[in-house]
Protein backbone atom coordinates (compact mmCIF):
# COMPACT_ATOMS: atom_id res chain seq x y z
CA MET A 1 -64.78 16.49 -41.31
CA THR A 2 -68.49 16.71 -42.11
CA PRO A 3 -69.64 18.56 -45.21
CA ASP A 4 -72.81 20.63 -45.38
CA THR A 5 -74.80 18.49 -47.81
CA ASN A 6 -77.07 21.43 -48.66
CA ALA A 7 -74.17 23.67 -49.74
CA ARG A 8 -72.88 23.72 -53.30
CA THR A 9 -69.18 23.02 -53.63
CA THR A 10 -66.96 25.40 -55.57
CA PHE A 11 -64.57 23.24 -57.51
CA ARG A 12 -60.89 23.99 -57.78
CA LEU A 13 -58.63 21.30 -59.13
CA PRO A 14 -56.01 20.39 -56.53
CA THR A 15 -52.56 19.46 -57.74
CA LEU A 16 -50.68 16.26 -57.18
CA ASP A 17 -47.09 17.41 -57.21
CA THR A 18 -44.94 14.78 -55.59
CA GLY A 19 -41.91 15.33 -57.83
CA SER A 20 -42.08 11.68 -58.86
CA ALA A 21 -44.66 9.04 -59.73
CA PRO A 22 -47.32 9.04 -56.99
CA GLY A 23 -47.51 6.02 -54.70
CA LEU A 24 -50.66 4.08 -55.58
CA ALA A 25 -52.42 1.60 -53.34
CA ILE A 26 -55.32 -0.59 -54.43
CA LEU A 27 -58.00 -1.32 -51.85
CA GLY A 28 -59.80 -4.52 -52.85
CA VAL A 29 -58.13 -7.01 -55.16
CA GLY A 30 -61.21 -8.76 -56.53
CA PHE A 31 -62.21 -8.41 -60.19
CA ALA A 32 -62.02 -4.59 -60.50
CA GLY A 33 -58.97 -4.37 -58.29
CA ALA A 34 -57.20 -7.06 -60.31
CA MET A 35 -57.85 -5.06 -63.49
CA MET A 36 -56.33 -1.96 -61.89
CA LEU A 37 -53.47 -4.05 -60.55
CA SER A 38 -52.50 -5.15 -64.06
CA ALA A 39 -52.70 -1.58 -65.37
CA ALA A 40 -50.69 -0.20 -62.45
CA LEU A 41 -47.95 -2.78 -62.88
CA ALA A 42 -47.64 -1.83 -66.55
CA SER A 43 -47.68 1.92 -65.86
CA ASP A 44 -44.79 4.33 -65.67
CA VAL A 45 -47.14 7.10 -64.45
CA VAL A 46 -47.83 5.64 -61.00
CA ASN A 47 -45.76 3.62 -58.59
CA LEU A 48 -47.74 0.70 -57.17
CA VAL A 49 -46.67 0.58 -53.54
CA ALA A 50 -49.37 -1.47 -51.80
CA VAL A 51 -52.53 -3.55 -52.03
CA ALA A 52 -55.07 -4.18 -49.29
CA ASP A 53 -57.87 -6.68 -49.04
CA VAL A 54 -59.45 -8.47 -46.10
CA ARG A 55 -58.83 -11.63 -48.13
CA ALA A 56 -55.31 -10.69 -49.26
CA ASP A 57 -53.88 -14.00 -48.06
CA GLU A 58 -56.33 -15.83 -50.36
CA MET A 59 -55.74 -13.64 -53.43
CA PRO A 60 -53.41 -14.75 -56.21
CA LEU A 61 -50.86 -11.98 -55.78
CA SER A 62 -47.78 -13.99 -56.70
CA ASN A 63 -47.09 -11.70 -59.68
CA LEU A 64 -46.60 -8.67 -57.43
CA PRO A 65 -43.09 -7.29 -57.18
CA ALA A 66 -41.51 -7.91 -53.79
CA ASN A 67 -41.55 -4.18 -52.97
CA VAL A 68 -45.37 -3.96 -53.17
CA ARG A 69 -46.63 -4.24 -49.61
CA ARG A 70 -49.75 -6.25 -48.73
CA TYR A 71 -52.23 -5.24 -46.03
CA ILE A 72 -55.45 -6.76 -44.71
CA SER A 73 -57.14 -3.53 -43.61
CA LEU A 74 -57.62 0.06 -44.72
CA ASP A 75 -56.21 1.30 -41.41
CA ALA A 76 -52.99 -0.65 -41.94
CA LEU A 77 -52.77 0.61 -45.52
CA LEU A 78 -53.14 4.23 -44.41
CA GLY A 79 -50.25 3.75 -42.01
CA ASP A 80 -47.99 3.44 -45.07
CA GLU A 81 -46.41 6.86 -45.67
CA SER A 82 -45.58 6.02 -49.31
CA VAL A 83 -49.27 5.92 -50.30
CA ASP A 84 -50.39 9.11 -52.09
CA VAL A 85 -53.46 7.75 -53.90
CA VAL A 86 -55.87 4.94 -53.01
CA HIS A 87 -57.91 3.19 -55.69
CA ILE A 88 -61.10 1.87 -54.06
CA ALA A 89 -62.21 -1.37 -55.71
CA THR A 90 -64.40 -2.79 -52.96
CA PRO A 91 -68.16 -3.47 -52.94
CA THR A 92 -70.12 -0.26 -53.66
CA PRO A 93 -71.84 0.00 -50.24
CA GLN A 94 -68.38 0.43 -48.66
CA HIS A 95 -67.24 3.30 -50.91
CA LEU A 96 -68.61 6.24 -48.89
CA GLU A 97 -67.04 5.26 -45.59
CA GLN A 98 -63.74 4.21 -47.16
CA ALA A 99 -63.46 7.36 -49.30
CA ALA A 100 -64.18 9.54 -46.26
CA VAL A 101 -61.43 7.86 -44.23
CA ILE A 102 -58.94 8.03 -47.10
CA LEU A 103 -59.65 11.70 -47.84
CA ASP A 104 -59.42 12.52 -44.14
CA SER A 105 -55.96 10.91 -44.12
CA GLY A 106 -54.83 13.38 -46.80
CA ARG A 107 -54.73 10.92 -49.68
CA HIS A 108 -56.26 11.29 -53.13
CA VAL A 109 -59.00 8.85 -54.18
CA ILE A 110 -59.90 6.88 -57.28
CA VAL A 111 -63.20 5.08 -56.74
CA GLU A 112 -64.65 2.39 -58.95
CA LYS A 113 -68.08 2.81 -60.44
CA PRO A 114 -70.69 2.96 -59.32
CA MET A 115 -69.31 5.64 -57.04
CA THR A 116 -71.86 5.05 -54.28
CA ILE A 117 -75.27 3.56 -53.69
CA ASP A 118 -77.09 6.90 -54.00
CA ALA A 119 -76.68 10.52 -55.08
CA LYS A 120 -76.53 11.88 -51.51
CA SER A 121 -73.55 9.63 -50.69
CA ALA A 122 -71.84 10.64 -53.93
CA ARG A 123 -72.34 14.32 -53.12
CA THR A 124 -70.85 13.72 -49.67
CA ILE A 125 -67.68 12.23 -51.19
CA VAL A 126 -67.40 15.09 -53.69
CA ASP A 127 -67.77 17.64 -50.90
CA LEU A 128 -65.24 15.84 -48.69
CA ALA A 129 -62.71 15.81 -51.53
CA ALA A 130 -63.20 19.54 -52.06
CA LEU A 131 -62.91 20.28 -48.33
CA SER A 132 -59.78 18.12 -48.15
CA ASP A 133 -58.26 19.74 -51.24
CA ARG A 134 -57.74 16.23 -52.61
CA ILE A 135 -58.33 14.83 -56.08
CA LEU A 136 -61.32 12.51 -56.54
CA VAL A 137 -61.64 10.42 -59.70
CA VAL A 138 -64.44 7.98 -60.48
CA GLY A 139 -63.40 4.98 -62.56
CA HIS A 140 -65.34 4.76 -65.79
CA SER A 141 -66.37 2.08 -68.20
CA SER A 142 -64.68 1.38 -71.49
CA SER A 143 -67.37 3.26 -73.39
CA TYR A 144 -64.79 5.44 -75.15
CA GLU A 145 -62.65 2.53 -76.30
CA PRO A 146 -62.71 2.05 -80.09
CA TYR A 147 -63.99 -1.54 -79.88
CA VAL A 148 -66.93 -0.49 -77.68
CA GLN A 149 -67.79 2.40 -79.98
CA ALA A 150 -67.69 0.04 -82.97
CA ALA A 151 -70.05 -2.39 -81.21
CA ALA A 152 -72.40 0.49 -80.33
CA ALA A 153 -72.41 1.62 -83.96
CA ILE A 154 -73.39 -1.90 -85.07
CA VAL A 155 -76.23 -1.99 -82.53
CA GLU A 156 -77.47 1.45 -83.55
CA SER A 157 -77.28 0.57 -87.27
CA GLY A 158 -80.07 -1.95 -86.86
CA LEU A 159 -77.98 -4.92 -88.03
CA LEU A 160 -78.99 -6.84 -84.92
CA ARG A 161 -82.47 -8.23 -84.25
CA SER A 162 -84.60 -6.37 -81.71
CA GLU A 163 -84.12 -9.15 -79.11
CA GLU A 164 -80.36 -8.69 -79.27
CA ARG A 165 -80.66 -4.91 -79.02
CA ARG A 166 -82.91 -5.23 -75.96
CA VAL A 167 -80.35 -7.39 -74.16
CA GLY A 168 -77.63 -4.90 -75.03
CA LYS A 169 -79.59 -2.00 -73.59
CA GLU A 170 -80.39 -3.97 -70.42
CA CYS A 171 -76.70 -4.67 -69.93
CA ARG A 172 -75.85 -1.00 -70.34
CA SER A 173 -78.51 0.06 -67.83
CA ARG A 174 -76.93 -2.05 -65.08
CA TRP A 175 -73.77 0.08 -65.18
């Protein structure tokens, strides 16, 4: 499926109606994937069914329940019929290709930020999700968490020296 990158997509929110908690798989169990892994294990909204990573045999996955399957490739993961949603937590340059394959398989996608390496690739994923009638969600930072808002208020109040403010703004710009 190839979208027309010059066309504007009309958005209609697809539904995820499985009758039960959707089967979640996490692709990439490095830092971001490990964060999602902890959240998924604690959630009663999703059912963690699988993880995949080319280095899965090296990852500390001993805390996974026995029923969570482990794969070493996206293709193997997509062979698992219990997967409804795939959370992509791999290096950013891989997001476009992986999202395209996942959406083409009929699964919904959560992709870590940054979504892609450029706006054209991001638009392609958005268009593919719309064409596939699948849900696409981009993971976000913690900028709406109370502790982050409190820190931002302190920075904006001027209580910090200009050197400290500069470092804070540089850190934000890398997101």
